[in-house]
Amino acid sequence: MGDLENFAHNTESFFPDLLKIALIHYQFETIHPFLDGNGRVGRLMITLYLVEKGILKKPILYLSDFFERNRILYYDNLNRVREKDDLTQWFKFFLVGVIETAKSSVSTFDNVLKLQKEVETKIQTLGSRSNNAQLIIDQLFQHPIIGAQKARELTKLSFPSVYKLINDLERLEIITEITGAKRGKIYLFREYTKLFN
């Protein structure tokens, strides 16, 4: 592990960062230093390394889904390095994962922007209540679940006015009540969460 850490922080020898983190991930998974959680830690290391190197501004590239969808290939490629010394094939597999994940992230981001425009168009129909509706929408893009108390904190409206606004957002099919309760209802920004499935 000490050698792996030294390699990760070595700035004297040039090695392309994407290939370097591919090698680090492979080596970490091979060392398998913990009794449990090696996979999660190994995948998290990829994202954190890319953020540290400035390749990513935020930790938004998660290869976990790619590795899970291609689980057999993932393990085959890791084993191929161990058994046949074929690091090139591992690098190819890893870089395909980066490309596919990046494309998927861009597509998701485009869909989020499209949804924002659609929602903004819908809330403009609320007239004078649209500014308060926008405060709730901004919150929903950060945390896609909301209750009346949080909506009241955001808008500084009375509870009757908040409930009227929530009803408007439900009518516009922006939020959906998910508890089925009479009190303490919770609302989900379902179209937003669908973008991440």
Protein backbone atom coordinates (compact mmCIF):
# COMPACT_ATOMS: atom_id res chain seq x y z
CA MET A 1 0.00 0.00 0.00
CA GLY A 2 2.92 2.31 0.73
CA ASP A 3 4.34 1.75 -2.76
CA LEU A 4 0.90 2.38 -4.26
CA GLU A 5 0.58 5.64 -2.35
CA ASN A 6 4.06 6.72 -3.48
CA PHE A 7 3.16 5.92 -7.08
CA ALA A 8 -0.10 7.88 -6.82
CA HIS A 9 1.74 10.99 -5.58
CA ASN A 10 4.84 10.68 -7.77
CA THR A 11 5.25 13.84 -9.85
CA GLU A 12 8.78 13.16 -11.06
CA SER A 13 7.87 10.54 -13.68
CA PHE A 14 5.18 11.47 -16.21
CA PHE A 15 2.33 9.02 -16.65
CA PRO A 16 -1.05 10.12 -18.11
CA ASP A 17 -3.48 10.60 -15.24
CA LEU A 18 -6.29 8.46 -16.67
CA LEU A 19 -3.91 5.56 -17.20
CA LYS A 20 -2.33 6.18 -13.82
CA ILE A 21 -5.64 5.94 -11.96
CA ALA A 22 -6.53 2.85 -14.03
CA LEU A 23 -3.31 1.26 -12.81
CA ILE A 24 -3.88 2.44 -9.24
CA HIS A 25 -7.40 0.98 -9.28
CA TYR A 26 -6.16 -2.32 -10.64
CA GLN A 27 -3.38 -2.51 -8.07
CA PHE A 28 -5.67 -1.55 -5.18
CA GLU A 29 -8.16 -4.25 -6.17
CA THR A 30 -5.30 -6.75 -6.42
CA ILE A 31 -3.88 -5.84 -3.00
CA HIS A 32 -7.41 -6.01 -1.55
CA PRO A 33 -6.31 -4.47 1.77
CA PHE A 34 -9.63 -4.59 3.66
CA LEU A 35 -11.91 -7.40 4.76
CA ASP A 36 -14.89 -5.58 3.25
CA GLY A 37 -15.53 -2.51 1.10
CA ASN A 38 -12.52 -2.79 -1.24
CA GLY A 39 -14.68 -2.37 -4.35
CA ARG A 40 -16.40 0.77 -3.07
CA VAL A 41 -13.14 2.31 -1.89
CA GLY A 42 -11.38 1.37 -5.14
CA ARG A 43 -14.11 2.97 -7.26
CA LEU A 44 -14.23 6.06 -5.04
CA MET A 45 -10.46 6.45 -5.41
CA ILE A 46 -10.93 6.94 -9.16
CA THR A 47 -13.22 9.92 -8.73
CA LEU A 48 -11.23 11.49 -5.89
CA TYR A 49 -7.97 11.13 -7.80
CA LEU A 50 -9.43 12.84 -10.88
CA VAL A 51 -10.72 15.69 -8.71
CA GLU A 52 -7.35 16.06 -6.99
CA LYS A 53 -5.60 16.25 -10.37
CA GLY A 54 -8.05 18.89 -11.60
CA ILE A 55 -9.42 16.68 -14.39
CA LEU A 56 -12.83 16.89 -12.73
CA LYS A 57 -13.97 20.06 -10.98
CA LYS A 58 -16.51 18.10 -8.95
CA PRO A 59 -16.77 14.39 -8.11
CA ILE A 60 -19.34 13.58 -10.80
CA LEU A 61 -17.76 10.70 -12.73
CA TYR A 62 -18.73 7.38 -11.15
CA LEU A 63 -17.56 4.28 -12.97
CA SER A 64 -19.46 1.99 -10.58
CA ASP A 65 -22.44 1.68 -12.91
CA PHE A 66 -20.21 0.81 -15.88
CA PHE A 67 -18.30 -1.77 -13.86
CA GLU A 68 -21.54 -3.26 -12.55
CA ARG A 69 -23.15 -3.46 -16.00
CA ASN A 70 -19.98 -5.10 -17.32
CA ARG A 71 -19.18 -7.08 -14.20
CA ILE A 72 -17.88 -10.19 -15.95
CA LEU A 73 -15.69 -8.15 -18.31
CA TYR A 74 -14.49 -6.06 -15.37
CA TYR A 75 -13.28 -9.10 -13.45
CA ASP A 76 -11.98 -10.80 -16.60
CA ASN A 77 -9.88 -7.75 -17.44
CA LEU A 78 -8.53 -7.46 -13.89
CA ASN A 79 -7.63 -11.17 -13.93
CA ARG A 80 -6.11 -10.88 -17.39
CA VAL A 81 -3.52 -8.47 -16.01
CA ARG A 82 -2.72 -10.86 -13.16
CA GLU A 83 -2.60 -14.00 -15.28
CA LYS A 84 -1.34 -12.81 -18.69
CA ASP A 85 0.34 -9.50 -17.82
CA ASP A 86 -2.06 -7.79 -20.27
CA LEU A 87 -2.21 -4.28 -18.88
CA THR A 88 -3.10 -2.83 -22.31
CA GLN A 89 -6.48 -4.63 -22.36
CA TRP A 90 -7.24 -3.33 -18.83
CA PHE A 91 -6.39 0.23 -19.94
CA LYS A 92 -8.70 -0.10 -22.97
CA PHE A 93 -11.56 -1.42 -20.85
CA PHE A 94 -11.06 1.31 -18.23
CA LEU A 95 -10.93 4.11 -20.83
CA VAL A 96 -14.08 2.80 -22.53
CA GLY A 97 -15.73 3.02 -19.11
CA VAL A 98 -14.58 6.62 -18.68
CA ILE A 99 -15.87 7.54 -22.14
CA GLU A 100 -19.27 5.84 -21.69
CA THR A 101 -19.72 7.27 -18.20
CA ALA A 102 -18.79 10.78 -19.35
CA LYS A 103 -21.21 10.59 -22.29
CA SER A 104 -23.97 9.38 -19.98
CA SER A 105 -23.25 12.21 -17.55
CA VAL A 106 -23.40 14.80 -20.33
CA SER A 107 -26.71 13.34 -21.51
CA THR A 108 -28.12 13.42 -17.98
CA PHE A 109 -26.97 17.01 -17.54
CA ASP A 110 -28.62 18.01 -20.85
CA ASN A 111 -31.85 16.38 -19.67
CA VAL A 112 -31.65 18.27 -16.37
CA LEU A 113 -31.32 21.56 -18.28
CA LYS A 114 -34.27 20.60 -20.49
CA LEU A 115 -36.36 19.75 -17.42
CA GLN A 116 -35.44 23.08 -15.81
CA LYS A 117 -36.78 24.95 -18.83
CA GLU A 118 -39.98 22.88 -18.90
CA VAL A 119 -40.60 23.48 -15.19
CA GLU A 120 -39.87 27.20 -15.48
CA THR A 121 -42.40 27.43 -18.32
CA LYS A 122 -45.02 25.63 -16.18
CA ILE A 123 -44.52 27.82 -13.10
CA GLN A 124 -44.84 31.01 -15.14
CA THR A 125 -48.55 30.13 -15.38
CA LEU A 126 -48.79 30.78 -11.62
CA GLY A 127 -48.51 34.52 -12.08
CA SER A 128 -47.64 36.31 -8.82
CA ARG A 129 -46.90 32.97 -7.09
CA SER A 130 -44.23 32.04 -9.66
CA ASN A 131 -41.38 33.68 -7.68
CA ASN A 132 -42.17 31.61 -4.59
CA ALA A 133 -42.66 28.53 -6.76
CA GLN A 134 -39.19 29.14 -8.21
CA LEU A 135 -37.69 29.11 -4.70
CA ILE A 136 -39.20 25.67 -4.14
CA ILE A 137 -38.07 24.45 -7.57
CA ASP A 138 -34.49 25.61 -6.90
CA GLN A 139 -34.57 23.58 -3.68
CA LEU A 140 -35.98 20.54 -5.48
CA PHE A 141 -33.07 20.54 -7.93
CA GLN A 142 -30.79 20.26 -4.89
CA HIS A 143 -32.96 17.89 -2.83
CA PRO A 144 -35.84 16.33 -4.81
CA ILE A 145 -38.03 15.70 -1.75
CA ILE A 146 -39.82 18.45 0.13
CA GLY A 147 -42.47 18.95 2.79
CA ALA A 148 -44.66 21.93 3.68
CA GLN A 149 -42.36 23.02 6.53
CA LYS A 150 -39.35 23.32 4.23
CA ALA A 151 -41.46 25.09 1.60
CA ARG A 152 -42.59 27.55 4.28
CA GLU A 153 -38.98 28.20 5.35
CA LEU A 154 -37.99 28.90 1.76
CA THR A 155 -40.90 31.14 0.82
CA LYS A 156 -41.68 32.77 4.20
CA LEU A 157 -45.37 32.26 3.38
CA SER A 158 -48.13 31.25 5.79
CA PHE A 159 -49.04 27.57 5.85
CA PRO A 160 -52.33 28.13 3.97
CA SER A 161 -50.40 29.93 1.20
CA VAL A 162 -47.72 27.21 1.15
CA TYR A 163 -50.37 24.49 0.81
CA LYS A 164 -51.99 26.41 -2.04
CA LEU A 165 -48.59 26.66 -3.76
CA ILE A 166 -47.90 22.96 -3.20
CA ASN A 167 -51.32 22.12 -4.66
CA ASP A 168 -50.44 24.25 -7.70
CA LEU A 169 -47.15 22.39 -8.14
CA GLU A 170 -48.99 19.07 -7.86
CA ARG A 171 -51.60 20.19 -10.38
CA LEU A 172 -48.79 21.15 -12.79
CA GLU A 173 -47.37 17.63 -12.25
CA ILE A 174 -44.06 18.98 -10.97
CA ILE A 175 -44.27 17.25 -7.59
CA THR A 176 -46.11 14.14 -6.41
CA GLU A 177 -47.20 13.34 -2.85
CA ILE A 178 -45.53 10.07 -1.84
CA THR A 179 -46.58 9.33 1.75
CA GLY A 180 -50.35 8.94 1.42
CA ALA A 181 -50.60 10.58 4.87
CA LYS A 182 -53.08 13.24 5.93
CA ARG A 183 -50.42 15.20 7.86
CA GLY A 184 -46.71 15.59 7.32
CA LYS A 185 -46.98 14.90 3.61
CA ILE A 186 -43.79 14.57 1.60
CA TYR A 187 -43.56 15.46 -2.08
CA LEU A 188 -41.20 14.06 -4.70
CA PHE A 189 -39.83 15.79 -7.77
CA ARG A 190 -40.30 12.55 -9.70
CA GLU A 191 -39.33 13.71 -13.21
CA TYR A 192 -35.98 14.85 -11.83
CA THR A 193 -35.22 11.62 -9.99
CA LYS A 194 -36.14 9.61 -13.10
CA LEU A 195 -33.22 11.22 -14.93
CA PHE A 196 -30.79 9.38 -12.64
CA ASN A 197 -32.29 5.88 -12.93
